[in-house]
Amino acid sequence: MTGDQILDLWRSALSVIVEVSAPFLITALGVGLAVSIVQTATQLQESTLSFVPKLGAALVVVALSGHWCLDRLGKFTTDAFMAHVDRNESRANLTP
């Protein structure tokens, strides 16, 4: 593989990572902020109060967007392998 192809694959991998992790991170951020506000207002400083809602929210995100995440990861993996196979086929056609 040339350097440009490797950089393009790396850029694609990073963008897929950001796309797939964004729903989880945004949900955890929102739930954590809401729980922190409630804890501050009620003066409850229990560590499980911040963990359990985040876990529940993550499970909801997996239930709602899990299929999309796996589909996106599978498409990236297929594209990466196909690019590798295409490169090897074109390389084999060049050698006599």
C-alpha atoms as a PDB file:
ATOM      1  CA  MET A   1       0.000   0.000   0.000  1.00  0.00           C
ATOM      2  CA  THR A   2       1.166   3.488  -0.707  1.00  0.00           C
ATOM      3  CA  GLY A   3       1.395   6.132   1.949  1.00  0.00           C
ATOM      4  CA  ASP A   4      -1.655   7.955   0.580  1.00  0.00           C
ATOM      5  CA  GLN A   5      -3.778   4.818   0.752  1.00  0.00           C
ATOM      6  CA  ILE A   6      -2.709   4.144   4.328  1.00  0.00           C
ATOM      7  CA  LEU A   7      -3.492   7.720   5.365  1.00  0.00           C
ATOM      8  CA  ASP A   8      -6.885   7.529   3.657  1.00  0.00           C
ATOM      9  CA  LEU A   9      -7.669   4.268   5.450  1.00  0.00           C
ATOM     10  CA  TRP A  10      -6.528   5.782   8.756  1.00  0.00           C
ATOM     11  CA  ARG A  11      -8.708   8.868   8.195  1.00  0.00           C
ATOM     12  CA  SER A  12     -11.694   6.661   7.407  1.00  0.00           C
ATOM     13  CA  ALA A  13     -11.076   4.575  10.522  1.00  0.00           C
ATOM     14  CA  LEU A  14     -10.960   7.648  12.743  1.00  0.00           C
ATOM     15  CA  SER A  15     -14.139   9.068  11.262  1.00  0.00           C
ATOM     16  CA  VAL A  16     -15.959   5.745  11.787  1.00  0.00           C
ATOM     17  CA  ILE A  17     -14.755   5.643  15.403  1.00  0.00           C
ATOM     18  CA  VAL A  18     -16.107   9.145  16.005  1.00  0.00           C
ATOM     19  CA  GLU A  19     -19.427   8.375  14.315  1.00  0.00           C
ATOM     20  CA  VAL A  20     -19.980   5.128  16.216  1.00  0.00           C
ATOM     21  CA  SER A  21     -18.922   6.438  19.630  1.00  0.00           C
ATOM     22  CA  ALA A  22     -20.777   9.767  19.400  1.00  0.00           C
ATOM     23  CA  PRO A  23     -24.231   8.482  20.466  1.00  0.00           C
ATOM     24  CA  PHE A  24     -22.765   6.833  23.566  1.00  0.00           C
ATOM     25  CA  LEU A  25     -20.612   9.803  24.548  1.00  0.00           C
ATOM     26  CA  ILE A  26     -23.329  12.406  24.017  1.00  0.00           C
ATOM     27  CA  THR A  27     -25.861  10.339  25.974  1.00  0.00           C
ATOM     28  CA  ALA A  28     -23.430   9.730  28.843  1.00  0.00           C
ATOM     29  CA  LEU A  29     -22.593  13.446  28.916  1.00  0.00           C
ATOM     30  CA  GLY A  30     -26.258  14.450  29.069  1.00  0.00           C
ATOM     31  CA  VAL A  31     -27.185  11.886  31.711  1.00  0.00           C
ATOM     32  CA  GLY A  32     -24.103  12.696  33.780  1.00  0.00           C
ATOM     33  CA  LEU A  33     -24.915  16.396  33.695  1.00  0.00           C
ATOM     34  CA  ALA A  34     -28.526  15.784  34.697  1.00  0.00           C
ATOM     35  CA  VAL A  35     -27.531  13.473  37.549  1.00  0.00           C
ATOM     36  CA  SER A  36     -24.910  15.952  38.757  1.00  0.00           C
ATOM     37  CA  ILE A  37     -27.480  18.738  38.860  1.00  0.00           C
ATOM     38  CA  VAL A  38     -29.888  16.529  40.820  1.00  0.00           C
ATOM     39  CA  GLN A  39     -27.117  15.459  43.207  1.00  0.00           C
ATOM     40  CA  THR A  40     -26.107  19.055  43.762  1.00  0.00           C
ATOM     41  CA  ALA A  41     -29.676  20.193  44.340  1.00  0.00           C
ATOM     42  CA  THR A  42     -30.432  17.381  46.795  1.00  0.00           C
ATOM     43  CA  GLN A  43     -26.922  17.248  48.311  1.00  0.00           C
ATOM     44  CA  LEU A  44     -26.711  13.483  47.737  1.00  0.00           C
ATOM     45  CA  GLN A  45     -23.158  12.437  46.959  1.00  0.00           C
ATOM     46  CA  GLU A  46     -23.621   8.733  46.304  1.00  0.00           C
ATOM     47  CA  SER A  47     -21.310   7.339  43.612  1.00  0.00           C
ATOM     48  CA  THR A  48     -23.804   4.731  42.388  1.00  0.00           C
ATOM     49  CA  LEU A  49     -26.294   7.481  41.595  1.00  0.00           C
ATOM     50  CA  SER A  50     -24.070   8.638  38.762  1.00  0.00           C
ATOM     51  CA  PHE A  51     -23.127   5.171  37.491  1.00  0.00           C
ATOM     52  CA  VAL A  52     -26.487   3.398  37.292  1.00  0.00           C
ATOM     53  CA  PRO A  53     -28.295   6.008  35.142  1.00  0.00           C
ATOM     54  CA  LYS A  54     -25.345   6.160  32.737  1.00  0.00           C
ATOM     55  CA  LEU A  55     -25.403   2.382  32.443  1.00  0.00           C
ATOM     56  CA  GLY A  56     -29.137   2.420  31.784  1.00  0.00           C
ATOM     57  CA  ALA A  57     -28.760   5.153  29.185  1.00  0.00           C
ATOM     58  CA  ALA A  58     -25.954   3.229  27.472  1.00  0.00           C
ATOM     59  CA  LEU A  59     -28.192   0.154  27.284  1.00  0.00           C
ATOM     60  CA  VAL A  60     -30.962   2.251  25.734  1.00  0.00           C
ATOM     61  CA  VAL A  61     -28.491   3.633  23.175  1.00  0.00           C
ATOM     62  CA  VAL A  62     -27.339   0.108  22.344  1.00  0.00           C
ATOM     63  CA  ALA A  63     -30.959  -0.978  21.898  1.00  0.00           C
ATOM     64  CA  LEU A  64     -31.791   1.990  19.663  1.00  0.00           C
ATOM     65  CA  SER A  65     -28.616   2.443  17.631  1.00  0.00           C
ATOM     66  CA  GLY A  66     -26.793  -0.869  17.983  1.00  0.00           C
ATOM     67  CA  HIS A  67     -27.895  -2.076  14.564  1.00  0.00           C
ATOM     68  CA  TRP A  68     -26.675   1.124  12.908  1.00  0.00           C
ATOM     69  CA  CYS A  69     -23.330   0.972  14.752  1.00  0.00           C
ATOM     70  CA  LEU A  70     -22.681  -2.622  13.747  1.00  0.00           C
ATOM     71  CA  ASP A  71     -23.769  -1.910  10.182  1.00  0.00           C
ATOM     72  CA  ARG A  72     -21.383   1.062   9.973  1.00  0.00           C
ATOM     73  CA  LEU A  73     -18.478  -0.946  11.417  1.00  0.00           C
ATOM     74  CA  GLY A  74     -19.207  -3.859   9.094  1.00  0.00           C
ATOM     75  CA  LYS A  75     -19.316  -1.582   6.050  1.00  0.00           C
ATOM     76  CA  PHE A  76     -15.977  -0.029   6.993  1.00  0.00           C
ATOM     77  CA  THR A  77     -14.398  -3.456   7.500  1.00  0.00           C
ATOM     78  CA  THR A  78     -15.727  -4.705   4.168  1.00  0.00           C
ATOM     79  CA  ASP A  79     -14.487  -1.594   2.369  1.00  0.00           C
ATOM     80  CA  ALA A  80     -11.041  -1.907   3.960  1.00  0.00           C
ATOM     81  CA  PHE A  81     -10.684  -5.557   2.975  1.00  0.00           C
ATOM     82  CA  MET A  82     -11.986  -4.921  -0.534  1.00  0.00           C
ATOM     83  CA  ALA A  83      -9.456  -2.110  -1.004  1.00  0.00           C
ATOM     84  CA  HIS A  84      -6.726  -4.530   0.071  1.00  0.00           C
ATOM     85  CA  VAL A  85      -7.967  -7.248  -2.293  1.00  0.00           C
ATOM     86  CA  ASP A  86      -8.272  -4.786  -5.197  1.00  0.00           C
ATOM     87  CA  ARG A  87      -4.735  -3.587  -4.580  1.00  0.00           C
ATOM     88  CA  ASN A  88      -3.399  -7.154  -4.580  1.00  0.00           C
ATOM     89  CA  GLU A  89      -5.303  -8.025  -7.772  1.00  0.00           C
ATOM     90  CA  SER A  90      -4.001  -4.968  -9.592  1.00  0.00           C
ATOM     91  CA  ARG A  91      -0.508  -5.770  -8.358  1.00  0.00           C
ATOM     92  CA  ALA A  92      -0.803  -9.378  -9.608  1.00  0.00           C
ATOM     93  CA  ASN A  93      -1.928  -8.174 -13.037  1.00  0.00           C
ATOM     94  CA  LEU A  94       1.159  -5.971 -13.373  1.00  0.00           C
ATOM     95  CA  THR A  95       3.685  -8.745 -12.826  1.00  0.00           C
ATOM     96  CA  PRO A  96       4.212 -11.046 -15.832  1.00  0.00           C
END
